[in-house]
Amino acid sequence: MKTASIKHLQFAHNEWLRAIEFYKLELHILQERLEEIAFDNTGKEVSEGIEHYQNQLIIHRDYLDGLAHRIKTNVREAESEITQSSGNVSESTVLVHDELAEQYHTEENMINQLRHEFNRFASKWM
């Protein structure tokens, strides 16, 4: 059975969890800016944009919460395995870790894209 060092997994998990907290804070800031735009503008065109970005912020915030939960679950599974082995984790735990890495990087790209789109929208209405 193929195994991996827990140190590699721990580093990645910690990095992702810190970044997720940063992105959640960033989404909160975007939410505040969106509320400012909504307060200052009441037209139909801006209302549709506000609704769109409000939905996007909710979706991404919920996804980040779920991703953080899945990462923490993977951490617990890895920690459980190292107590039963010599500091290594099983291939299945590594595969889950790799899937989480892909999910994290995809979400990171989507949030960056959302931020850029939102900033273009906000510059038009602020």
Protein backbone atom coordinates (compact mmCIF):
# COMPACT_ATOMS: atom_id res chain seq x y z
CA MET A 1 0.00 0.00 0.00
CA LYS A 2 1.31 3.43 -0.94
CA THR A 3 1.64 5.99 1.90
CA ALA A 4 2.59 9.66 2.33
CA SER A 5 4.12 11.72 5.10
CA ILE A 6 1.71 13.52 7.40
CA LYS A 7 3.91 16.63 7.39
CA HIS A 8 3.16 17.24 3.72
CA LEU A 9 -0.57 16.92 4.29
CA GLN A 10 -0.55 19.05 7.44
CA PHE A 11 1.23 21.91 5.68
CA ALA A 12 -1.27 21.94 2.81
CA HIS A 13 -4.28 21.62 5.13
CA ASN A 14 -3.11 24.52 7.29
CA GLU A 15 -2.41 26.68 4.26
CA TRP A 16 -5.86 25.98 2.80
CA LEU A 17 -7.68 26.63 6.06
CA ARG A 18 -5.90 29.99 6.52
CA ALA A 19 -6.70 30.95 2.92
CA ILE A 20 -10.34 29.93 3.36
CA GLU A 21 -10.62 32.25 6.36
CA PHE A 22 -9.07 35.03 4.26
CA TYR A 23 -11.54 34.42 1.42
CA LYS A 24 -14.48 34.42 3.84
CA LEU A 25 -13.31 37.78 5.16
CA GLU A 26 -12.93 39.04 1.62
CA LEU A 27 -16.48 37.91 0.78
CA HIS A 28 -17.70 39.79 3.86
CA ILE A 29 -16.00 42.95 2.60
CA LEU A 30 -17.57 42.48 -0.83
CA GLN A 31 -20.94 42.04 0.89
CA GLU A 32 -20.49 45.38 2.67
CA ARG A 33 -19.61 47.09 -0.61
CA LEU A 34 -22.66 45.50 -2.24
CA GLU A 35 -24.87 46.85 0.55
CA GLU A 36 -23.44 50.34 -0.04
CA ILE A 37 -24.26 50.08 -3.74
CA ALA A 38 -27.80 48.85 -2.95
CA PHE A 39 -28.34 51.73 -0.53
CA ASP A 40 -27.18 54.37 -3.02
CA ASN A 41 -28.84 52.97 -6.17
CA THR A 42 -32.39 51.77 -6.73
CA GLY A 43 -32.63 51.25 -10.51
CA LYS A 44 -33.65 47.97 -12.11
CA GLU A 45 -30.29 47.44 -13.81
CA VAL A 46 -28.36 47.82 -10.57
CA SER A 47 -30.91 45.71 -8.66
CA GLU A 48 -30.37 42.77 -10.99
CA GLY A 49 -26.59 43.05 -10.50
CA ILE A 50 -27.01 43.31 -6.74
CA GLU A 51 -29.15 40.18 -6.67
CA HIS A 52 -26.65 38.31 -8.84
CA TYR A 53 -23.69 39.20 -6.64
CA GLN A 54 -25.65 38.58 -3.44
CA ASN A 55 -26.41 35.05 -4.67
CA GLN A 56 -22.77 34.50 -5.69
CA LEU A 57 -21.50 35.63 -2.29
CA ILE A 58 -23.88 33.26 -0.51
CA ILE A 59 -22.93 30.34 -2.75
CA HIS A 60 -19.21 30.88 -2.27
CA ARG A 61 -19.48 31.44 1.48
CA ASP A 62 -21.44 28.18 1.84
CA TYR A 63 -18.99 26.32 -0.39
CA LEU A 64 -16.02 27.59 1.64
CA ASP A 65 -17.70 26.43 4.85
CA GLY A 66 -18.23 22.96 3.37
CA LEU A 67 -14.69 22.81 1.99
CA ALA A 68 -13.22 23.76 5.37
CA HIS A 69 -15.30 21.01 6.96
CA ARG A 70 -14.08 18.43 4.43
CA ILE A 71 -10.47 19.51 4.99
CA LYS A 72 -10.83 19.21 8.77
CA THR A 73 -12.35 15.75 8.32
CA ASN A 74 -9.35 14.74 6.19
CA VAL A 75 -7.04 16.09 8.92
CA ARG A 76 -8.79 13.98 11.57
CA GLU A 77 -8.60 10.87 9.38
CA ALA A 78 -4.89 11.45 8.77
CA GLU A 79 -4.23 12.01 12.46
CA SER A 80 -6.07 8.81 13.29
CA GLU A 81 -3.98 6.87 10.78
CA ILE A 82 -0.65 8.17 12.10
CA THR A 83 -1.46 6.89 15.55
CA GLN A 84 -1.73 3.44 13.98
CA SER A 85 1.36 3.70 11.75
CA SER A 86 4.82 5.22 11.72
CA GLY A 87 3.84 8.77 10.72
CA ASN A 88 2.38 7.88 7.33
CA VAL A 89 -1.15 7.92 5.98
CA SER A 90 -2.84 5.58 3.53
CA GLU A 91 -3.20 6.07 -0.17
CA SER A 92 -6.96 6.59 0.16
CA THR A 93 -6.41 9.50 2.56
CA VAL A 94 -3.89 10.96 0.12
CA LEU A 95 -6.41 10.59 -2.72
CA VAL A 96 -8.99 12.52 -0.69
CA HIS A 97 -6.31 15.12 0.01
CA ASP A 98 -5.62 15.42 -3.73
CA GLU A 99 -9.33 15.84 -4.46
CA LEU A 100 -9.51 18.55 -1.80
CA ALA A 101 -6.52 20.26 -3.39
CA GLU A 102 -8.31 20.35 -6.72
CA GLN A 103 -11.51 21.65 -5.10
CA TYR A 104 -9.57 24.32 -3.19
CA HIS A 105 -7.71 25.58 -6.26
CA THR A 106 -10.88 25.63 -8.36
CA GLU A 107 -12.71 27.64 -5.69
CA GLU A 108 -9.73 29.97 -5.32
CA ASN A 109 -9.83 30.71 -9.06
CA MET A 110 -13.60 31.23 -8.98
CA ILE A 111 -13.36 33.68 -6.08
CA ASN A 112 -10.63 35.63 -7.84
CA GLN A 113 -12.77 35.81 -10.95
CA LEU A 114 -15.80 36.88 -8.88
CA ARG A 115 -13.75 39.61 -7.19
CA HIS A 116 -12.63 41.04 -10.54
CA GLU A 117 -16.16 40.94 -11.98
CA PHE A 118 -17.58 42.50 -8.82
CA ASN A 119 -15.00 45.29 -8.87
CA ARG A 120 -15.98 46.15 -12.44
CA PHE A 121 -19.64 46.20 -11.37
CA ALA A 122 -18.88 48.27 -8.26
CA SER A 123 -16.81 50.82 -10.17
CA LYS A 124 -19.83 51.47 -12.39
CA TRP A 125 -22.23 52.07 -9.47
CA MET A 126 -20.15 53.51 -6.64
